[in-house]
PDB file of all heavy atoms in Angstrom:
ATOM      1  N   GLY A   1       3.496 -12.011  28.888  1.00  0.00           N
ATOM      2  CA  GLY A   1       4.268 -13.202  28.578  1.00  0.00           C
ATOM      3  C   GLY A   1       5.466 -12.896  27.687  1.00  0.00           C
ATOM      4  O   GLY A   1       6.362 -13.711  27.546  1.00  0.00           O
ATOM      5  N   LYS A   2       5.479 -11.694  27.080  1.00  0.00           N
ATOM      6  CA  LYS A   2       6.596 -11.265  26.240  1.00  0.00           C
ATOM      7  C   LYS A   2       7.309 -10.100  26.908  1.00  0.00           C
ATOM      8  O   LYS A   2       6.705  -9.325  27.652  1.00  0.00           O
ATOM      9  CB  LYS A   2       6.107 -10.750  24.876  1.00  0.00           C
ATOM     10  CG  LYS A   2       5.561 -11.779  23.956  1.00  0.00           C
ATOM     11  CD  LYS A   2       5.248 -11.149  22.607  1.00  0.00           C
ATOM     12  CE  LYS A   2       4.713 -12.213  21.675  1.00  0.00           C
ATOM     13  NZ  LYS A   2       4.680 -11.753  20.289  1.00  0.00           N
ATOM     14  N   VAL A   3       8.575  -9.951  26.596  1.00  0.00           N
ATOM     15  CA  VAL A   3       9.295  -8.731  26.921  1.00  0.00           C
ATOM     16  C   VAL A   3       8.927  -7.748  25.814  1.00  0.00           C
ATOM     17  O   VAL A   3       8.901  -8.112  24.634  1.00  0.00           O
ATOM     18  CB  VAL A   3      10.815  -8.970  26.962  1.00  0.00           C
ATOM     19  CG1 VAL A   3      11.574  -7.664  27.118  1.00  0.00           C
ATOM     20  CG2 VAL A   3      11.167  -9.949  28.083  1.00  0.00           C
ATOM     21  N   VAL A   4       8.618  -6.512  26.190  1.00  0.00           N
ATOM     22  CA  VAL A   4       8.171  -5.503  25.225  1.00  0.00           C
ATOM     23  C   VAL A   4       9.020  -4.246  25.352  1.00  0.00           C
ATOM     24  O   VAL A   4       9.313  -3.801  26.462  1.00  0.00           O
ATOM     25  CB  VAL A   4       6.679  -5.137  25.462  1.00  0.00           C
ATOM     26  CG1 VAL A   4       6.256  -3.950  24.613  1.00  0.00           C
ATOM     27  CG2 VAL A   4       5.790  -6.332  25.198  1.00  0.00           C
ATOM     28  N   LEU A   5       9.405  -3.713  24.219  1.00  0.00           N
ATOM     29  CA  LEU A   5       9.969  -2.374  24.175  1.00  0.00           C
ATOM     30  C   LEU A   5       8.892  -1.500  23.550  1.00  0.00           C
ATOM     31  O   LEU A   5       8.629  -1.585  22.346  1.00  0.00           O
ATOM     32  CB  LEU A   5      11.258  -2.318  23.362  1.00  0.00           C
ATOM     33  CG  LEU A   5      11.919  -0.938  23.342  1.00  0.00           C
ATOM     34  CD1 LEU A   5      12.351  -0.516  24.747  1.00  0.00           C
ATOM     35  CD2 LEU A   5      13.106  -0.923  22.393  1.00  0.00           C
ATOM     36  N   LEU A   6       8.226  -0.710  24.377  1.00  0.00           N
ATOM     37  CA  LEU A   6       7.148   0.168  23.940  1.00  0.00           C
ATOM     38  C   LEU A   6       7.744   1.526  23.606  1.00  0.00           C
ATOM     39  O   LEU A   6       8.380   2.155  24.456  1.00  0.00           O
ATOM     40  CB  LEU A   6       6.107   0.306  25.050  1.00  0.00           C
ATOM     41  CG  LEU A   6       4.992   1.327  24.848  1.00  0.00           C
ATOM     42  CD1 LEU A   6       4.132   0.978  23.641  1.00  0.00           C
ATOM     43  CD2 LEU A   6       4.145   1.431  26.113  1.00  0.00           C
ATOM     44  N   ASN A   7       7.525   1.974  22.375  1.00  0.00           N
ATOM     45  CA  ASN A   7       8.079   3.242  21.928  1.00  0.00           C
ATOM     46  C   ASN A   7       6.959   4.218  21.611  1.00  0.00           C
ATOM     47  O   ASN A   7       6.130   3.966  20.738  1.00  0.00           O
ATOM     48  CB  ASN A   7       8.966   3.021  20.691  1.00  0.00           C
ATOM     49  CG  ASN A   7       9.577   4.307  20.187  1.00  0.00           C
ATOM     50  OD1 ASN A   7       9.059   4.914  19.263  1.00  0.00           O
ATOM     51  ND2 ASN A   7      10.668   4.717  20.802  1.00  0.00           N
ATOM     52  N   PHE A   8       6.923   5.328  22.344  1.00  0.00           N
ATOM     53  CA  PHE A   8       5.988   6.425  22.088  1.00  0.00           C
ATOM     54  C   PHE A   8       6.662   7.377  21.106  1.00  0.00           C
ATOM     55  O   PHE A   8       7.799   7.797  21.335  1.00  0.00           O
ATOM     56  CB  PHE A   8       5.658   7.172  23.388  1.00  0.00           C
ATOM     57  CG  PHE A   8       4.867   6.374  24.373  1.00  0.00           C
ATOM     58  CD1 PHE A   8       5.499   5.654  25.373  1.00  0.00           C
ATOM     59  CD2 PHE A   8       3.481   6.352  24.310  1.00  0.00           C
ATOM     60  CE1 PHE A   8       4.767   4.916  26.296  1.00  0.00           C
ATOM     61  CE2 PHE A   8       2.739   5.620  25.224  1.00  0.00           C
ATOM     62  CZ  PHE A   8       3.377   4.899  26.217  1.00  0.00           C
ATOM     63  N   TRP A   9       5.962   7.737  20.044  1.00  0.00           N
ATOM     64  CA  TRP A   9       6.547   8.564  19.001  1.00  0.00           C
ATOM     65  C   TRP A   9       5.463   9.372  18.301  1.00  0.00           C
ATOM     66  O   TRP A   9       4.283   9.217  18.583  1.00  0.00           O
ATOM     67  CB  TRP A   9       7.311   7.687  18.005  1.00  0.00           C
ATOM     68  CG  TRP A   9       6.413   6.855  17.146  1.00  0.00           C
ATOM     69  CD1 TRP A   9       5.767   5.703  17.501  1.00  0.00           C
ATOM     70  CD2 TRP A   9       6.012   7.132  15.810  1.00  0.00           C
ATOM     71  NE1 TRP A   9       4.993   5.251  16.462  1.00  0.00           N
ATOM     72  CE2 TRP A   9       5.135   6.098  15.410  1.00  0.00           C
ATOM     73  CE3 TRP A   9       6.313   8.147  14.910  1.00  0.00           C
ATOM     74  CZ2 TRP A   9       4.558   6.061  14.145  1.00  0.00           C
ATOM     75  CZ3 TRP A   9       5.742   8.098  13.643  1.00  0.00           C
ATOM     76  CH2 TRP A   9       4.880   7.061  13.271  1.00  0.00           C
ATOM     77  N   ALA A  10       5.874  10.223  17.357  1.00  0.00           N
ATOM     78  CA  ALA A  10       4.931  10.995  16.539  1.00  0.00           C
ATOM     79  C   ALA A  10       5.582  11.314  15.197  1.00  0.00           C
ATOM     80  O   ALA A  10       6.813  11.367  15.086  1.00  0.00           O
ATOM     81  CB  ALA A  10       4.536  12.288  17.242  1.00  0.00           C
ATOM     82  N   THR A  11       4.755  11.545  14.194  1.00  0.00           N
ATOM     83  CA  THR A  11       5.253  11.808  12.841  1.00  0.00           C
ATOM     84  C   THR A  11       6.036  13.117  12.750  1.00  0.00           C
ATOM     85  O   THR A  11       6.900  13.261  11.885  1.00  0.00           O
ATOM     86  CB  THR A  11       4.095  11.850  11.827  1.00  0.00           C
ATOM     87  OG1 THR A  11       3.132  12.826  12.251  1.00  0.00           O
ATOM     88  CG2 THR A  11       3.428  10.491  11.701  1.00  0.00           C
ATOM     89  N   TRP A  12       5.752  14.071  13.620  1.00  0.00           N
ATOM     90  CA  TRP A  12       6.414  15.373  13.576  1.00  0.00           C
ATOM     91  C   TRP A  12       7.729  15.392  14.375  1.00  0.00           C
ATOM     92  O   TRP A  12       8.435  16.380  14.407  1.00  0.00           O
ATOM     93  CB  TRP A  12       5.489  16.456  14.119  1.00  0.00           C
ATOM     94  CG  TRP A  12       4.848  16.095  15.429  1.00  0.00           C
ATOM     95  CD1 TRP A  12       3.595  15.579  15.604  1.00  0.00           C
ATOM     96  CD2 TRP A  12       5.427  16.181  16.731  1.00  0.00           C
ATOM     97  NE1 TRP A  12       3.360  15.330  16.948  1.00  0.00           N
ATOM     98  CE2 TRP A  12       4.477  15.703  17.660  1.00  0.00           C
ATOM     99  CE3 TRP A  12       6.655  16.615  17.212  1.00  0.00           C
ATOM    100  CZ2 TRP A  12       4.716  15.642  19.029  1.00  0.00           C
ATOM    101  CZ3 TRP A  12       6.894  16.558  18.582  1.00  0.00           C
ATOM    102  CH2 TRP A  12       5.923  16.080  19.465  1.00  0.00           C
ATOM    103  N   CYS A  13       8.080  14.281  15.006  1.00  0.00           N
ATOM    104  CA  CYS A  13       9.215  14.197  15.932  1.00  0.00           C
ATOM    105  C   CYS A  13      10.498  13.818  15.193  1.00  0.00           C
ATOM    106  O   CYS A  13      10.646  12.682  14.738  1.00  0.00           O
ATOM    107  CB  CYS A  13       8.868  13.164  17.013  1.00  0.00           C
ATOM    108  SG  CYS A  13      10.223  12.678  18.089  1.00  0.00           S
ATOM    109  N   ALA A  14      11.440  14.766  15.063  1.00  0.00           N
ATOM    110  CA  ALA A  14      12.705  14.504  14.360  1.00  0.00           C
ATOM    111  C   ALA A  14      13.535  13.397  15.021  1.00  0.00           C
ATOM    112  O   ALA A  14      14.045  12.521  14.324  1.00  0.00           O
ATOM    113  CB  ALA A  14      13.512  15.791  14.232  1.00  0.00           C
ATOM    114  N   PRO A  15      13.688  13.383  16.361  1.00  0.00           N
ATOM    115  CA  PRO A  15      14.440  12.276  16.969  1.00  0.00           C
ATOM    116  C   PRO A  15      13.764  10.916  16.749  1.00  0.00           C
ATOM    117  O   PRO A  15      14.443   9.895  16.650  1.00  0.00           O
ATOM    118  CB  PRO A  15      14.478  12.632  18.458  1.00  0.00           C
ATOM    119  CG  PRO A  15      14.259  14.102  18.520  1.00  0.00           C
ATOM    120  CD  PRO A  15      13.360  14.417  17.351  1.00  0.00           C
ATOM    121  N   CYS A  16      12.448  10.911  16.617  1.00  0.00           N
ATOM    122  CA  CYS A  16      11.727   9.665  16.336  1.00  0.00           C
ATOM    123  C   CYS A  16      12.114   9.132  14.966  1.00  0.00           C
ATOM    124  O   CYS A  16      12.303   7.924  14.777  1.00  0.00           O
ATOM    125  CB  CYS A  16      10.219   9.876  16.403  1.00  0.00           C
ATOM    126  SG  CYS A  16       9.610  10.460  18.003  1.00  0.00           S
ATOM    127  N   ARG A  17      12.234  10.033  14.001  1.00  0.00           N
ATOM    128  CA  ARG A  17      12.617   9.666  12.634  1.00  0.00           C
ATOM    129  C   ARG A  17      14.010   9.028  12.641  1.00  0.00           C
ATOM    130  O   ARG A  17      14.267   8.040  11.953  1.00  0.00           O
ATOM    131  CB  ARG A  17      12.596  10.910  11.745  1.00  0.00           C
ATOM    132  CG  ARG A  17      12.965  10.665  10.299  1.00  0.00           C
ATOM    133  CD  ARG A  17      12.817  11.943   9.476  1.00  0.00           C
ATOM    134  NE  ARG A  17      11.428  12.313   9.334  1.00  0.00           N
ATOM    135  CZ  ARG A  17      10.625  11.874   8.359  1.00  0.00           C
ATOM    136  NH1 ARG A  17      11.097  11.072   7.441  1.00  0.00           N
ATOM    137  NH2 ARG A  17       9.374  12.264   8.310  1.00  0.00           N
ATOM    138  N   LYS A  18      14.901   9.579  13.440  1.00  0.00           N
ATOM    139  CA  LYS A  18      16.269   9.063  13.537  1.00  0.00           C
ATOM    140  C   LYS A  18      16.290   7.682  14.209  1.00  0.00           C
ATOM    141  O   LYS A  18      17.041   6.800  13.795  1.00  0.00           O
ATOM    142  CB  LYS A  18      17.111  10.059  14.341  1.00  0.00           C
ATOM    143  CG  LYS A  18      18.522   9.612  14.600  1.00  0.00           C
ATOM    144  CD  LYS A  18      19.245  10.628  15.474  1.00  0.00           C
ATOM    145  CE  LYS A  18      20.570  10.055  15.957  1.00  0.00           C
ATOM    146  NZ  LYS A  18      21.125  10.843  17.049  1.00  0.00           N
ATOM    147  N   GLU A  19      15.454   7.483  15.217  1.00  0.00           N
ATOM    148  CA  GLU A  19      15.477   6.273  16.039  1.00  0.00           C
ATOM    149  C   GLU A  19      14.734   5.078  15.422  1.00  0.00           C
ATOM    150  O   GLU A  19      15.104   3.926  15.631  1.00  0.00           O
ATOM    151  CB  GLU A  19      14.843   6.616  17.398  1.00  0.00           C
ATOM    152  CG  GLU A  19      14.699   5.461  18.338  1.00  0.00           C
ATOM    153  CD  GLU A  19      14.056   5.870  19.639  1.00  0.00           C
ATOM    154  OE1 GLU A  19      12.932   6.428  19.614  1.00  0.00           O
ATOM    155  OE2 GLU A  19      14.674   5.625  20.686  1.00  0.00           O
ATOM    156  N   MET A  20      13.696   5.344  14.650  1.00  0.00           N
ATOM    157  CA  MET A  20      12.800   4.285  14.171  1.00  0.00           C
ATOM    158  C   MET A  20      13.497   3.173  13.382  1.00  0.00           C
ATOM    159  O   MET A  20      13.188   1.997  13.599  1.00  0.00           O
ATOM    160  CB  MET A  20      11.660   4.915  13.369  1.00  0.00           C
ATOM    161  CG  MET A  20      10.455   4.050  13.199  1.00  0.00           C
ATOM    162  SD  MET A  20       9.540   3.664  14.719  1.00  0.00           S
ATOM    163  CE  MET A  20       8.812   5.228  15.148  1.00  0.00           C
ATOM    164  N   PRO A  21      14.452   3.463  12.483  1.00  0.00           N
ATOM    165  CA  PRO A  21      15.121   2.357  11.786  1.00  0.00           C
ATOM    166  C   PRO A  21      15.865   1.410  12.733  1.00  0.00           C
ATOM    167  O   PRO A  21      15.912   0.201  12.497  1.00  0.00           O
ATOM    168  CB  PRO A  21      16.085   3.069  10.823  1.00  0.00           C
ATOM    169  CG  PRO A  21      15.420   4.389  10.565  1.00  0.00           C
ATOM    170  CD  PRO A  21      14.809   4.764  11.900  1.00  0.00           C
ATOM    171  N   ALA A  22      16.433   1.933  13.808  1.00  0.00           N
ATOM    172  CA  ALA A  22      17.121   1.076  14.788  1.00  0.00           C
ATOM    173  C   ALA A  22      16.113   0.199  15.530  1.00  0.00           C
ATOM    174  O   ALA A  22      16.402  -0.969  15.831  1.00  0.00           O
ATOM    175  CB  ALA A  22      17.919   1.927  15.770  1.00  0.00           C
ATOM    176  N   LEU A  23      14.939   0.743  15.808  1.00  0.00           N
ATOM    177  CA  LEU A  23      13.888  -0.065  16.443  1.00  0.00           C
ATOM    178  C   LEU A  23      13.463  -1.200  15.509  1.00  0.00           C
ATOM    179  O   LEU A  23      13.248  -2.333  15.949  1.00  0.00           O
ATOM    180  CB  LEU A  23      12.689   0.807  16.814  1.00  0.00           C
ATOM    181  CG  LEU A  23      12.892   1.758  17.982  1.00  0.00           C
ATOM    182  CD1 LEU A  23      11.765   2.781  18.030  1.00  0.00           C
ATOM    183  CD2 LEU A  23      12.981   0.990  19.286  1.00  0.00           C
ATOM    184  N   GLN A  24      13.358  -0.890  14.214  1.00  0.00           N
ATOM    185  CA  GLN A  24      13.010  -1.940  13.249  1.00  0.00           C
ATOM    186  C   GLN A  24      14.079  -3.020  13.214  1.00  0.00           C
ATOM    187  O   GLN A  24      13.776  -4.212  13.191  1.00  0.00           O
ATOM    188  CB  GLN A  24      12.818  -1.373  11.846  1.00  0.00           C
ATOM    189  CG  GLN A  24      12.593  -2.508  10.836  1.00  0.00           C
ATOM    190  CD  GLN A  24      12.242  -2.036   9.472  1.00  0.00           C
ATOM    191  OE1 GLN A  24      11.161  -1.528   9.287  1.00  0.00           O
ATOM    192  NE2 GLN A  24      13.150  -2.221   8.511  1.00  0.00           N
ATOM    193  N   GLN A  25      15.344  -2.613  13.227  1.00  0.00           N
ATOM    194  CA  GLN A  25      16.429  -3.600  13.193  1.00  0.00           C
ATOM    195  C   GLN A  25      16.381  -4.489  14.438  1.00  0.00           C
ATOM    196  O   GLN A  25      16.564  -5.707  14.346  1.00  0.00           O
ATOM    197  CB  GLN A  25      17.780  -2.905  13.082  1.00  0.00           C
ATOM    198  CG  GLN A  25      18.924  -3.871  12.871  1.00  0.00           C
ATOM    199  CD  GLN A  25      20.247  -3.161  12.640  1.00  0.00           C
ATOM    200  OE1 GLN A  25      20.296  -1.973  12.328  1.00  0.00           O
ATOM    201  NE2 GLN A  25      21.330  -3.896  12.791  1.00  0.00           N
ATOM    202  N   LEU A  26      16.113  -3.903  15.599  1.00  0.00           N
ATOM    203  CA  LEU A  26      15.987  -4.677  16.833  1.00  0.00           C
ATOM    204  C   LEU A  26      14.843  -5.683  16.723  1.00  0.00           C
ATOM    205  O   LEU A  26      14.987  -6.857  17.081  1.00  0.00           O
ATOM    206  CB  LEU A  26      15.761  -3.733  18.022  1.00  0.00           C
ATOM    207  CG  LEU A  26      15.620  -4.389  19.389  1.00  0.00           C
ATOM    208  CD1 LEU A  26      16.919  -5.051  19.823  1.00  0.00           C
ATOM    209  CD2 LEU A  26      15.188  -3.337  20.421  1.00  0.00           C
TER     210      LEU A  26
END
């Protein structure tokens, strides 16, 4: 019933660290 942006990530992933604040802002 919702549109979902599912993000697969890990604590050791440098690109994940860069991307996560933008996901929070969204």
